[in-house]
Amino acid sequence: MLRQIALKEWAVVISALESGEQICLMRKGGIAEETKDFQVKSDSFYMYPTYEHQRKSLLKPEFQDRIEETLSGLQMEKVEVQITSVAKLVKDIEITDEAALERLLPHHIWTEAFADERLRWKRTKPLHVLIVRVYKLAVPFKLSVSSDFLGCKSWIEFYHHEEISSLDPVLSDEVFAEQMEAIEAALSKIGEK
């Protein structure tokens, strides 16, 4: 068995990552984080879907119905989750002001209010915008939910018998580069009129 790491994220966001509709994540750290702020623990990690805090009102209107899709057939007392993708960290951008956050709005599925709320929470800590390259697993696997996985924390560790072998990215090199350049260009324009 191999020790693995996963990042917890809303199932609806994982769906957007896996479909190539966004390549970024926003992290401030969960209430239960040991360090009380977000820290990158690995530059390659599985995506662990969560369902508890997903709310339609926190997503742009065109993505709100996706929550229903992620909840279809789901039992909240479920004892397993399906792991369907892996992400590789390309860049960790720290944001501290609203102007930068506003320029990122076209590049994610969250509402402006939700993004702003993330920025303002733990005001002295930066908001981490993680640019990730996502790869769908050829063979998804089920992971038994452990009590260690529960609570407001970003990272979980588990044991899995398979090592990740060949992976195909959800976006081509060209499309991924275009999306990353668009995010970097938006952030470089801070302060310009």
N, C-alpha and C. Protein backbone atom coordinates (compact mmCIF):
# COMPACT_ATOMS: atom_id res chain seq x y z
N MET A 1 0.85 -1.19 0.00
CA MET A 1 0.00 0.00 0.00
C MET A 1 0.88 1.25 0.00
N LEU A 2 0.49 2.21 -0.79
CA LEU A 2 1.25 3.45 -0.91
C LEU A 2 0.53 4.59 -0.20
N ARG A 3 1.28 5.41 0.51
CA ARG A 3 0.69 6.56 1.16
C ARG A 3 0.43 7.64 0.11
N GLN A 4 -0.79 8.15 0.10
CA GLN A 4 -1.21 9.13 -0.89
C GLN A 4 -1.76 10.37 -0.19
N ILE A 5 -1.86 11.44 -0.93
CA ILE A 5 -2.42 12.69 -0.39
C ILE A 5 -3.50 13.19 -1.35
N ALA A 6 -4.52 13.81 -0.77
CA ALA A 6 -5.60 14.36 -1.57
C ALA A 6 -5.99 15.73 -1.02
N LEU A 7 -6.44 16.59 -1.91
CA LEU A 7 -6.95 17.90 -1.54
C LEU A 7 -8.47 17.83 -1.56
N LYS A 8 -9.10 18.26 -0.48
CA LYS A 8 -10.55 18.27 -0.41
C LYS A 8 -11.09 19.49 -1.16
N GLU A 9 -12.11 19.25 -1.98
CA GLU A 9 -12.71 20.35 -2.74
C GLU A 9 -14.15 19.98 -3.06
N TRP A 10 -15.00 21.00 -3.23
CA TRP A 10 -16.39 20.75 -3.60
C TRP A 10 -16.44 19.87 -4.85
N ALA A 11 -17.36 18.94 -4.87
CA ALA A 11 -17.53 18.06 -6.02
C ALA A 11 -17.83 18.86 -7.29
N VAL A 12 -18.59 19.93 -7.16
CA VAL A 12 -18.93 20.74 -8.33
C VAL A 12 -17.70 21.43 -8.91
N VAL A 13 -16.76 21.81 -8.07
CA VAL A 13 -15.52 22.42 -8.54
C VAL A 13 -14.65 21.37 -9.22
N ILE A 14 -14.59 20.18 -8.65
CA ILE A 14 -13.83 19.10 -9.29
C ILE A 14 -14.41 18.81 -10.67
N SER A 15 -15.73 18.85 -10.79
CA SER A 15 -16.37 18.66 -12.10
C SER A 15 -15.90 19.73 -13.09
N ALA A 16 -15.82 20.98 -12.64
CA ALA A 16 -15.36 22.07 -13.52
C ALA A 16 -13.89 21.89 -13.90
N LEU A 17 -13.08 21.41 -12.97
CA LEU A 17 -11.67 21.15 -13.27
C LEU A 17 -11.55 20.02 -14.29
N GLU A 18 -12.32 18.95 -14.07
CA GLU A 18 -12.24 17.79 -14.95
C GLU A 18 -12.78 18.06 -16.35
N SER A 19 -13.65 19.05 -16.48
CA SER A 19 -14.18 19.40 -17.81
C SER A 19 -13.36 20.50 -18.47
N GLY A 20 -12.33 21.00 -17.75
CA GLY A 20 -11.46 22.03 -18.31
C GLY A 20 -12.05 23.43 -18.27
N GLU A 21 -13.13 23.62 -17.50
CA GLU A 21 -13.76 24.93 -17.44
C GLU A 21 -13.03 25.89 -16.51
N GLN A 22 -12.19 25.36 -15.66
CA GLN A 22 -11.32 26.21 -14.85
C GLN A 22 -10.06 25.43 -14.52
N ILE A 23 -9.00 26.18 -14.23
CA ILE A 23 -7.72 25.53 -13.88
C ILE A 23 -7.20 26.04 -12.55
N CYS A 24 -8.04 26.75 -11.81
CA CYS A 24 -7.56 27.31 -10.55
C CYS A 24 -8.44 26.90 -9.39
N LEU A 25 -7.84 26.92 -8.21
CA LEU A 25 -8.52 26.68 -6.95
C LEU A 25 -8.18 27.83 -6.02
N MET A 26 -9.06 28.13 -5.10
CA MET A 26 -8.80 29.18 -4.11
C MET A 26 -8.77 28.55 -2.73
N ARG A 27 -7.69 28.81 -2.01
CA ARG A 27 -7.54 28.21 -0.67
C ARG A 27 -7.09 29.25 0.34
N LYS A 28 -7.71 29.18 1.52
CA LYS A 28 -7.28 29.98 2.66
C LYS A 28 -6.91 29.07 3.83
N GLY A 29 -7.35 27.84 3.77
CA GLY A 29 -7.12 26.92 4.87
C GLY A 29 -8.40 26.73 5.65
N GLY A 30 -8.62 25.52 6.10
CA GLY A 30 -9.81 25.21 6.88
C GLY A 30 -9.64 25.54 8.34
N ILE A 31 -10.76 25.58 9.03
CA ILE A 31 -10.77 25.88 10.46
C ILE A 31 -9.91 24.88 11.23
N ALA A 32 -9.89 23.65 10.78
CA ALA A 32 -9.16 22.59 11.49
C ALA A 32 -7.71 22.45 11.04
N GLU A 33 -7.20 23.36 10.24
CA GLU A 33 -5.81 23.27 9.80
C GLU A 33 -4.88 23.40 11.00
N GLU A 34 -3.88 22.55 11.04
CA GLU A 34 -2.91 22.59 12.15
C GLU A 34 -2.20 23.94 12.22
N THR A 35 -1.85 24.48 11.06
CA THR A 35 -1.08 25.73 11.02
C THR A 35 -1.97 26.97 11.01
N LYS A 36 -3.28 26.77 10.96
CA LYS A 36 -4.27 27.86 10.92
C LYS A 36 -4.23 28.65 9.62
N ASP A 37 -3.49 28.20 8.64
CA ASP A 37 -3.52 28.81 7.32
C ASP A 37 -3.22 27.72 6.29
N PHE A 38 -3.39 28.05 5.03
CA PHE A 38 -3.19 27.05 3.99
C PHE A 38 -1.71 26.92 3.65
N GLN A 39 -1.27 25.69 3.50
CA GLN A 39 0.08 25.39 3.05
C GLN A 39 0.01 24.26 2.03
N VAL A 40 0.80 24.37 0.99
CA VAL A 40 0.86 23.31 -0.01
C VAL A 40 1.64 22.14 0.60
N LYS A 41 1.01 20.97 0.61
CA LYS A 41 1.67 19.79 1.17
C LYS A 41 2.26 18.88 0.10
N SER A 42 1.83 19.07 -1.13
CA SER A 42 2.34 18.24 -2.22
C SER A 42 2.08 18.96 -3.54
N ASP A 43 2.95 18.73 -4.50
CA ASP A 43 2.71 19.35 -5.81
C ASP A 43 1.96 18.41 -6.75
N SER A 44 1.58 17.24 -6.25
CA SER A 44 0.75 16.30 -7.00
C SER A 44 -0.19 15.63 -6.01
N PHE A 45 -1.49 15.63 -6.31
CA PHE A 45 -2.46 15.13 -5.33
C PHE A 45 -3.75 14.70 -6.01
N TYR A 46 -4.43 13.77 -5.35
CA TYR A 46 -5.75 13.38 -5.80
C TYR A 46 -6.73 14.48 -5.41
N MET A 47 -7.86 14.53 -6.12
CA MET A 47 -8.94 15.45 -5.79
C MET A 47 -10.03 14.67 -5.06
N TYR A 48 -10.27 15.05 -3.81
CA TYR A 48 -11.24 14.38 -2.94
C TYR A 48 -12.53 15.20 -2.91
N PRO A 49 -13.63 14.67 -3.46
CA PRO A 49 -14.87 15.46 -3.53
C PRO A 49 -15.57 15.60 -2.19
N THR A 50 -16.03 16.81 -1.91
CA THR A 50 -16.85 17.06 -0.72
C THR A 50 -18.19 17.62 -1.17
N TYR A 51 -19.18 17.47 -0.32
CA TYR A 51 -20.55 17.81 -0.69
C TYR A 51 -21.24 18.73 0.33
N GLU A 52 -20.76 18.74 1.56
CA GLU A 52 -21.48 19.37 2.66
C GLU A 52 -21.70 20.87 2.50
N HIS A 53 -20.70 21.60 2.01
CA HIS A 53 -20.79 23.07 1.99
C HIS A 53 -21.14 23.64 0.62
N GLN A 54 -21.39 22.78 -0.36
CA GLN A 54 -21.76 23.28 -1.68
C GLN A 54 -23.09 24.02 -1.59
N ARG A 55 -23.13 25.23 -2.17
CA ARG A 55 -24.38 25.98 -2.19
C ARG A 55 -24.54 26.66 -3.54
N LYS A 56 -25.72 26.55 -4.11
CA LYS A 56 -25.99 27.16 -5.41
C LYS A 56 -25.70 28.65 -5.39
N SER A 57 -26.07 29.31 -4.31
CA SER A 57 -25.92 30.77 -4.24
C SER A 57 -24.48 31.23 -4.32
N LEU A 58 -23.53 30.32 -4.14
CA LEU A 58 -22.11 30.67 -4.17
C LEU A 58 -21.48 30.42 -5.55
N LEU A 59 -22.31 29.94 -6.48
CA LEU A 59 -21.83 29.68 -7.84
C LEU A 59 -22.49 30.63 -8.82
N LYS A 60 -21.79 30.95 -9.89
CA LYS A 60 -22.39 31.74 -10.96
C LYS A 60 -23.62 30.99 -11.48
N PRO A 61 -24.65 31.72 -11.92
CA PRO A 61 -25.91 31.08 -12.32
C PRO A 61 -25.75 29.93 -13.30
N GLU A 62 -24.86 30.06 -14.27
CA GLU A 62 -24.73 29.01 -15.28
C GLU A 62 -24.14 27.71 -14.74
N PHE A 63 -23.63 27.72 -13.51
CA PHE A 63 -23.05 26.51 -12.92
C PHE A 63 -23.89 25.96 -11.76
N GLN A 64 -24.94 26.63 -11.39
CA GLN A 64 -25.71 26.23 -10.21
C GLN A 64 -26.36 24.85 -10.32
N ASP A 65 -26.83 24.49 -11.52
CA ASP A 65 -27.46 23.18 -11.68
C ASP A 65 -26.48 22.02 -11.52
N ARG A 66 -25.21 22.32 -11.63
CA ARG A 66 -24.20 21.26 -11.49
C ARG A 66 -24.19 20.66 -10.09
N ILE A 67 -24.61 21.44 -9.10
CA ILE A 67 -24.65 20.90 -7.74
C ILE A 67 -25.60 19.71 -7.69
N GLU A 68 -26.75 19.86 -8.34
CA GLU A 68 -27.72 18.76 -8.37
C GLU A 68 -27.09 17.52 -9.00
N GLU A 69 -26.31 17.72 -10.05
CA GLU A 69 -25.64 16.59 -10.70
C GLU A 69 -24.70 15.88 -9.74
N THR A 70 -23.94 16.65 -8.95
CA THR A 70 -22.99 16.01 -8.02
C THR A 70 -23.72 15.29 -6.89
N LEU A 71 -24.94 15.71 -6.58
CA LEU A 71 -25.69 15.10 -5.49
C LEU A 71 -26.59 13.96 -5.95
N SER A 72 -26.69 13.77 -7.26
CA SER A 72 -27.56 12.73 -7.79
C SER A 72 -27.16 11.35 -7.25
N GLY A 73 -28.09 10.72 -6.56
CA GLY A 73 -27.85 9.39 -6.01
C GLY A 73 -26.95 9.36 -4.79
N LEU A 74 -26.56 10.52 -4.31
CA LEU A 74 -25.64 10.58 -3.16
C LEU A 74 -26.41 10.43 -1.85
N GLN A 75 -25.86 9.66 -0.97
CA GLN A 75 -26.39 9.55 0.39
C GLN A 75 -25.37 10.22 1.30
N MET A 76 -25.80 11.24 2.05
CA MET A 76 -24.86 12.03 2.84
C MET A 76 -24.14 11.21 3.90
N GLU A 77 -24.73 10.09 4.30
CA GLU A 77 -24.05 9.24 5.28
C GLU A 77 -23.16 8.22 4.58
N LYS A 78 -22.79 8.53 3.37
CA LYS A 78 -22.05 7.60 2.54
C LYS A 78 -20.71 7.24 3.17
N VAL A 79 -20.29 6.03 2.91
CA VAL A 79 -19.06 5.53 3.51
C VAL A 79 -17.90 5.47 2.51
N GLU A 80 -18.19 5.82 1.25
CA GLU A 80 -17.14 5.84 0.23
C GLU A 80 -17.33 7.05 -0.68
N VAL A 81 -16.22 7.55 -1.18
CA VAL A 81 -16.28 8.57 -2.23
C VAL A 81 -15.50 8.03 -3.43
N GLN A 82 -15.86 8.52 -4.59
CA GLN A 82 -15.17 8.09 -5.81
C GLN A 82 -14.11 9.12 -6.16
N ILE A 83 -12.88 8.66 -6.32
CA ILE A 83 -11.76 9.51 -6.72
C ILE A 83 -11.60 9.34 -8.23
N THR A 84 -11.70 10.46 -8.95
CA THR A 84 -11.71 10.39 -10.41
C THR A 84 -10.58 11.16 -11.08
N SER A 85 -9.83 11.95 -10.28
CA SER A 85 -8.77 12.74 -10.91
C SER A 85 -7.62 13.04 -9.98
N VAL A 86 -6.55 13.45 -10.62
CA VAL A 86 -5.32 13.87 -9.95
C VAL A 86 -4.99 15.25 -10.47
N ALA A 87 -4.39 16.07 -9.62
CA ALA A 87 -3.98 17.42 -10.04
C ALA A 87 -2.49 17.60 -9.75
N LYS A 88 -1.86 18.36 -10.61
CA LYS A 88 -0.45 18.72 -10.40
C LYS A 88 -0.39 20.24 -10.29
N LEU A 89 0.22 20.69 -9.21
CA LEU A 89 0.34 22.12 -8.98
C LEU A 89 1.34 22.73 -9.96
N VAL A 90 0.89 23.76 -10.66
CA VAL A 90 1.74 24.46 -11.60
C VAL A 90 2.25 25.76 -10.98
N LYS A 91 1.37 26.43 -10.23
CA LYS A 91 1.75 27.72 -9.65
C LYS A 91 0.86 28.01 -8.45
N ASP A 92 1.45 28.60 -7.42
CA ASP A 92 0.72 29.05 -6.23
C ASP A 92 0.84 30.57 -6.19
N ILE A 93 -0.26 31.26 -6.48
CA ILE A 93 -0.26 32.72 -6.51
C ILE A 93 -0.94 33.23 -5.25
N GLU A 94 -0.28 34.10 -4.51
CA GLU A 94 -0.87 34.66 -3.30
C GLU A 94 -1.52 36.00 -3.62
N ILE A 95 -2.78 36.13 -3.24
CA ILE A 95 -3.55 37.35 -3.51
C ILE A 95 -3.95 37.99 -2.18
N THR A 96 -3.81 39.30 -2.12
CA THR A 96 -4.16 40.02 -0.89
C THR A 96 -5.13 41.16 -1.11
N ASP A 97 -5.51 41.44 -2.36
CA ASP A 97 -6.39 42.59 -2.58
C ASP A 97 -7.55 42.25 -3.51
N GLU A 98 -8.61 43.05 -3.38
CA GLU A 98 -9.84 42.82 -4.15
C GLU A 98 -9.66 43.02 -5.65
N ALA A 99 -8.78 43.93 -6.05
CA ALA A 99 -8.59 44.19 -7.48
C ALA A 99 -8.08 42.94 -8.20
N ALA A 100 -7.14 42.25 -7.60
CA ALA A 100 -6.62 41.02 -8.20
C ALA A 100 -7.71 39.97 -8.27
N LEU A 101 -8.46 39.86 -7.21
CA LEU A 101 -9.53 38.87 -7.16
C LEU A 101 -10.60 39.15 -8.21
N GLU A 102 -10.93 40.41 -8.38
CA GLU A 102 -11.93 40.80 -9.37
C GLU A 102 -11.49 40.42 -10.79
N ARG A 103 -10.21 40.55 -11.07
CA ARG A 103 -9.70 40.21 -12.40
C ARG A 103 -9.73 38.70 -12.67
N LEU A 104 -9.79 37.92 -11.59
CA LEU A 104 -9.87 36.46 -11.74
C LEU A 104 -11.28 35.95 -11.99
N LEU A 105 -12.28 36.81 -11.82
CA LEU A 105 -13.68 36.39 -11.89
C LEU A 105 -14.03 35.59 -13.15
N PRO A 106 -13.54 35.94 -14.33
CA PRO A 106 -13.90 35.14 -15.52
C PRO A 106 -13.27 33.74 -15.55
N HIS A 107 -12.37 33.46 -14.63
CA HIS A 107 -11.59 32.23 -14.69
C HIS A 107 -12.02 31.15 -13.70
N HIS A 108 -13.16 31.32 -13.06
CA HIS A 108 -13.65 30.31 -12.13
C HIS A 108 -15.18 30.33 -12.07
N ILE A 109 -15.76 29.34 -11.38
CA ILE A 109 -17.21 29.18 -11.34
C ILE A 109 -17.87 29.85 -10.14
N TRP A 110 -17.10 30.34 -9.19
CA TRP A 110 -17.68 30.95 -7.99
C TRP A 110 -18.20 32.36 -8.27
N THR A 111 -19.12 32.81 -7.42
CA THR A 111 -19.60 34.18 -7.52
C THR A 111 -18.54 35.14 -6.99
N GLU A 112 -18.68 36.38 -7.36
CA GLU A 112 -17.77 37.42 -6.86
C GLU A 112 -17.87 37.51 -5.34
N ALA A 113 -19.08 37.39 -4.80
CA ALA A 113 -19.28 37.48 -3.35
C ALA A 113 -18.55 36.35 -2.62
N PHE A 114 -18.61 35.13 -3.18
CA PHE A 114 -17.93 34.01 -2.54
C PHE A 114 -16.41 34.20 -2.56
N ALA A 115 -15.88 34.62 -3.71
CA ALA A 115 -14.43 34.83 -3.82
C ALA A 115 -13.99 35.92 -2.85
N ASP A 116 -14.78 36.99 -2.76
CA ASP A 116 -14.46 38.08 -1.84
C ASP A 116 -14.51 37.61 -0.39
N GLU A 117 -15.48 36.77 -0.08
CA GLU A 117 -15.59 36.22 1.28
C GLU A 117 -14.35 35.40 1.63
N ARG A 118 -13.87 34.62 0.67
CA ARG A 118 -12.65 33.83 0.90
C ARG A 118 -11.45 34.74 1.16
N LEU A 119 -11.36 35.83 0.40
CA LEU A 119 -10.25 36.76 0.56
C LEU A 119 -10.30 37.43 1.94
N ARG A 120 -11.49 37.85 2.37
CA ARG A 120 -11.62 38.59 3.63
C ARG A 120 -11.47 37.71 4.87
N TRP A 121 -11.77 36.42 4.75
CA TRP A 121 -11.64 35.53 5.90
C TRP A 121 -10.16 35.39 6.25
N LYS A 122 -9.81 35.47 7.53
CA LYS A 122 -8.41 35.45 7.97
C LYS A 122 -7.64 36.52 7.20
N ARG A 123 -8.08 37.74 7.32
CA ARG A 123 -7.62 38.88 6.52
C ARG A 123 -6.10 39.03 6.46
N THR A 124 -5.40 38.65 7.50
CA THR A 124 -3.93 38.83 7.50
C THR A 124 -3.22 37.77 6.66
N LYS A 125 -3.94 36.75 6.23
CA LYS A 125 -3.35 35.67 5.42
C LYS A 125 -3.72 35.86 3.96
N PRO A 126 -2.81 35.57 3.04
CA PRO A 126 -3.14 35.71 1.61
C PRO A 126 -4.09 34.59 1.16
N LEU A 127 -4.82 34.87 0.11
CA LEU A 127 -5.63 33.86 -0.55
C LEU A 127 -4.72 33.17 -1.56
N HIS A 128 -4.64 31.87 -1.49
CA HIS A 128 -3.82 31.11 -2.44
C HIS A 128 -4.68 30.75 -3.65
N VAL A 129 -4.24 31.18 -4.81
CA VAL A 129 -4.87 30.76 -6.06
C VAL A 129 -3.92 29.73 -6.66
N LEU A 130 -4.37 28.49 -6.65
CA LEU A 130 -3.55 27.40 -7.15
C LEU A 130 -3.89 27.13 -8.61
N ILE A 131 -2.92 27.26 -9.47
CA ILE A 131 -3.09 26.87 -10.87
C ILE A 131 -2.72 25.40 -10.94
N VAL A 132 -3.67 24.57 -11.38
CA VAL A 132 -3.44 23.13 -11.39
C VAL A 132 -3.71 22.54 -12.77
N ARG A 133 -2.93 21.55 -13.09
CA ARG A 133 -3.15 20.75 -14.32
C ARG A 133 -3.85 19.48 -13.86
N VAL A 134 -5.01 19.21 -14.41
CA VAL A 134 -5.84 18.10 -13.94
C VAL A 134 -5.80 16.95 -14.94
N TYR A 135 -5.77 15.75 -14.38
CA TYR A 135 -5.70 14.51 -15.16
C TYR A 135 -6.79 13.58 -14.65
N LYS A 136 -7.62 13.10 -15.56
CA LYS A 136 -8.65 12.12 -15.19
C LYS A 136 -7.99 10.75 -15.05
N LEU A 137 -8.40 10.02 -14.03
CA LEU A 137 -7.90 8.66 -13.86
C LEU A 137 -8.56 7.73 -14.87
N ALA A 138 -7.76 6.90 -15.51
CA ALA A 138 -8.31 5.91 -16.45
C ALA A 138 -9.22 4.95 -15.70
N VAL A 139 -8.84 4.65 -14.46
CA VAL A 139 -9.64 3.76 -13.62
C VAL A 139 -9.88 4.47 -12.28
N PRO A 140 -11.03 5.13 -12.12
CA PRO A 140 -11.35 5.77 -10.84
C PRO A 140 -11.41 4.70 -9.74
N PHE A 141 -11.27 5.12 -8.51
CA PHE A 141 -11.37 4.16 -7.41
C PHE A 141 -12.20 4.75 -6.28
N LYS A 142 -12.73 3.85 -5.47
CA LYS A 142 -13.52 4.26 -4.32
C LYS A 142 -12.63 4.27 -3.09
N LEU A 143 -12.85 5.29 -2.27
CA LEU A 143 -12.06 5.45 -1.05
C LEU A 143 -13.02 5.45 0.12
N SER A 144 -12.79 4.56 1.07
CA SER A 144 -13.63 4.54 2.27
C SER A 144 -13.41 5.81 3.06
N VAL A 145 -14.50 6.42 3.50
CA VAL A 145 -14.42 7.67 4.25
C VAL A 145 -14.03 7.34 5.69
N SER A 146 -12.94 7.94 6.11
CA SER A 146 -12.43 7.77 7.47
C SER A 146 -12.80 8.99 8.30
N SER A 147 -12.93 8.81 9.59
CA SER A 147 -13.20 9.96 10.48
C SER A 147 -12.07 10.98 10.39
N ASP A 148 -10.87 10.54 10.00
CA ASP A 148 -9.74 11.46 9.83
C ASP A 148 -9.95 12.42 8.66
N PHE A 149 -10.84 12.08 7.74
CA PHE A 149 -11.08 12.91 6.57
C PHE A 149 -12.08 14.04 6.84
N LEU A 150 -12.82 13.92 7.93
CA LEU A 150 -13.89 14.86 8.21
C LEU A 150 -13.37 16.16 8.81
N GLY A 151 -14.17 17.19 8.71
CA GLY A 151 -13.79 18.48 9.28
C GLY A 151 -13.24 19.42 8.23
N CYS A 152 -13.09 20.66 8.64
CA CYS A 152 -12.66 21.73 7.72
C CYS A 152 -11.14 21.77 7.64
N LYS A 153 -10.60 20.90 6.83
CA LYS A 153 -9.17 20.88 6.57
C LYS A 153 -8.96 20.63 5.09
N SER A 154 -7.85 21.07 4.58
CA SER A 154 -7.60 21.00 3.15
C SER A 154 -7.10 19.64 2.69
N TRP A 155 -6.20 19.04 3.44
CA TRP A 155 -5.49 17.85 2.98
C TRP A 155 -5.89 16.62 3.78
N ILE A 156 -5.95 15.49 3.10
CA ILE A 156 -6.11 14.21 3.78
C ILE A 156 -5.06 13.25 3.24
N GLU A 157 -4.69 12.30 4.06
CA GLU A 157 -3.75 11.26 3.65
C GLU A 157 -4.42 9.91 3.78
N PHE A 158 -4.11 9.03 2.86
CA PHE A 158 -4.71 7.70 2.86
C PHE A 158 -3.75 6.72 2.21
N TYR A 159 -4.07 5.47 2.30
CA TYR A 159 -3.26 4.43 1.66
C TYR A 159 -4.04 3.84 0.50
N HIS A 160 -3.34 3.65 -0.60
CA HIS A 160 -3.97 3.09 -1.80
C HIS A 160 -2.96 2.14 -2.44
N HIS A 161 -3.44 1.05 -2.98
CA HIS A 161 -2.54 0.02 -3.49
C HIS A 161 -1.94 0.32 -4.86
N GLU A 162 -2.51 1.27 -5.58
CA GLU A 162 -2.00 1.53 -6.93
C GLU A 162 -1.21 2.82 -6.99
N GLU A 163 -0.15 2.78 -7.77
CA GLU A 163 0.61 3.99 -8.05
C GLU A 163 0.06 4.58 -9.34
N ILE A 164 0.06 5.91 -9.42
CA ILE A 164 -0.43 6.56 -10.64
C ILE A 164 0.56 6.29 -11.75
N SER A 165 0.05 5.74 -12.86
CA SER A 165 0.95 5.49 -13.99
C SER A 165 0.70 6.55 -15.05
N SER A 166 0.39 6.17 -16.24
CA SER A 166 0.21 7.15 -17.31
C SER A 166 -1.09 7.93 -17.10
N LEU A 167 -0.99 9.22 -17.34
CA LEU A 167 -2.14 10.10 -17.16
C LEU A 167 -2.32 10.96 -18.40
N ASP A 168 -3.57 11.20 -18.75
CA ASP A 168 -3.87 12.11 -19.85
C ASP A 168 -4.49 13.36 -19.27
N PRO A 169 -3.94 14.53 -19.57
CA PRO A 169 -4.51 15.77 -19.05
C PRO A 169 -5.88 16.04 -19.66
N VAL A 170 -6.75 16.72 -18.90
CA VAL A 170 -8.08 17.04 -19.43
C VAL A 170 -8.00 18.12 -20.51
N LEU A 171 -6.96 18.94 -20.46
CA LEU A 171 -6.75 19.97 -21.47
C LEU A 171 -5.44 19.71 -22.21
N SER A 172 -5.43 20.02 -23.48
CA SER A 172 -4.18 19.91 -24.25
C SER A 172 -3.17 20.90 -23.70
N ASP A 173 -1.91 20.71 -24.03
CA ASP A 173 -0.86 21.64 -23.60
C ASP A 173 -1.18 23.05 -24.05
N GLU A 174 -1.65 23.19 -25.28
CA GLU A 174 -1.93 24.51 -25.84
C GLU A 174 -3.07 25.21 -25.10
N VAL A 175 -4.17 24.50 -24.88
CA VAL A 175 -5.33 25.11 -24.21
C VAL A 175 -5.00 25.44 -22.77
N PHE A 176 -4.28 24.54 -22.10
CA PHE A 176 -3.89 24.83 -20.72
C PHE A 176 -3.00 26.08 -20.67
N ALA A 177 -2.04 26.16 -21.57
CA ALA A 177 -1.13 27.32 -21.60
C ALA A 177 -1.92 28.61 -21.85
N GLU A 178 -2.91 28.56 -22.73
CA GLU A 178 -3.73 29.74 -23.01
C GLU A 178 -4.48 30.19 -21.76
N GLN A 179 -5.07 29.23 -21.04
CA GLN A 179 -5.82 29.58 -19.83
C GLN A 179 -4.89 30.14 -18.75
N MET A 180 -3.73 29.54 -18.60
CA MET A 180 -2.77 30.02 -17.61
C MET A 180 -2.28 31.43 -17.97
N GLU A 181 -1.98 31.64 -19.23
CA GLU A 181 -1.54 32.97 -19.67
C GLU A 181 -2.62 34.01 -19.45
N ALA A 182 -3.88 33.64 -19.66
CA ALA A 182 -4.99 34.58 -19.44
C ALA A 182 -5.08 34.98 -17.96
N ILE A 183 -4.89 34.03 -17.07
CA ILE A 183 -4.91 34.33 -15.63
C ILE A 183 -3.73 35.23 -15.27
N GLU A 184 -2.54 34.87 -15.74
CA GLU A 184 -1.35 35.67 -15.43
C GLU A 184 -1.48 37.08 -16.01
N ALA A 185 -2.03 37.20 -17.22
CA ALA A 185 -2.22 38.52 -17.83
C ALA A 185 -3.21 39.35 -17.02
N ALA A 186 -4.28 38.73 -16.57
CA ALA A 186 -5.27 39.45 -15.76
C ALA A 186 -4.64 39.97 -14.48
N LEU A 187 -3.82 39.16 -13.84
CA LEU A 187 -3.19 39.58 -12.59
C LEU A 187 -2.09 40.61 -12.82
N SER A 188 -1.46 40.60 -13.99
CA SER A 188 -0.39 41.57 -14.26
C SER A 188 -0.94 42.97 -14.53
N LYS A 189 -2.25 43.06 -14.78
CA LYS A 189 -2.86 44.35 -15.09
C LYS A 189 -3.32 45.10 -13.85
N ILE A 190 -3.04 44.56 -12.68
CA ILE A 190 -3.46 45.23 -11.45
C ILE A 190 -2.79 46.61 -11.38
N GLY A 191 -3.57 47.59 -11.11
CA GLY A 191 -3.04 48.96 -11.01
C GLY A 191 -3.10 49.73 -12.31
N GLU A 192 -3.32 49.01 -13.44
CA GLU A 192 -3.45 49.71 -14.72
C GLU A 192 -4.85 50.30 -14.85
N LYS A 193 -4.97 51.35 -15.62
CA LYS A 193 -6.28 51.96 -15.84
C LYS A 193 -6.83 51.49 -17.15
